């Protein structure tokens, strides 16, 4: 699993810190 994949998964779990 790549770093980007982990970041994406984390972003889905913590949308509060999402930098959309």
Protein backbone atom coordinates (compact mmCIF):
# COMPACT_ATOMS: atom_id res chain seq x y z
CA UNK A 1 0.00 0.00 0.00
CA UNK A 2 1.39 3.36 -1.04
CA UNK A 3 1.53 6.49 1.09
CA UNK A 4 -1.07 8.12 -1.14
CA UNK A 5 -3.43 5.22 -0.60
CA UNK A 6 -3.09 5.53 3.18
CA UNK A 7 -3.63 9.29 3.00
CA UNK A 8 -6.76 8.81 0.91
CA UNK A 9 -8.11 6.21 3.32
CA UNK A 10 -7.35 8.46 6.29
CA UNK A 11 -9.02 11.43 4.59
CA UNK A 12 -12.18 9.37 4.11
CA UNK A 13 -12.19 8.52 7.83
CA UNK A 14 -11.36 12.06 8.94
CA UNK A 15 -13.06 14.47 6.50
CA UNK A 16 -12.57 17.22 9.05
CA UNK A 17 -8.90 17.54 8.12
CA UNK A 18 -9.61 17.18 4.42
CA UNK A 19 -7.99 19.96 2.40
CA UNK A 20 -10.58 19.96 -0.36
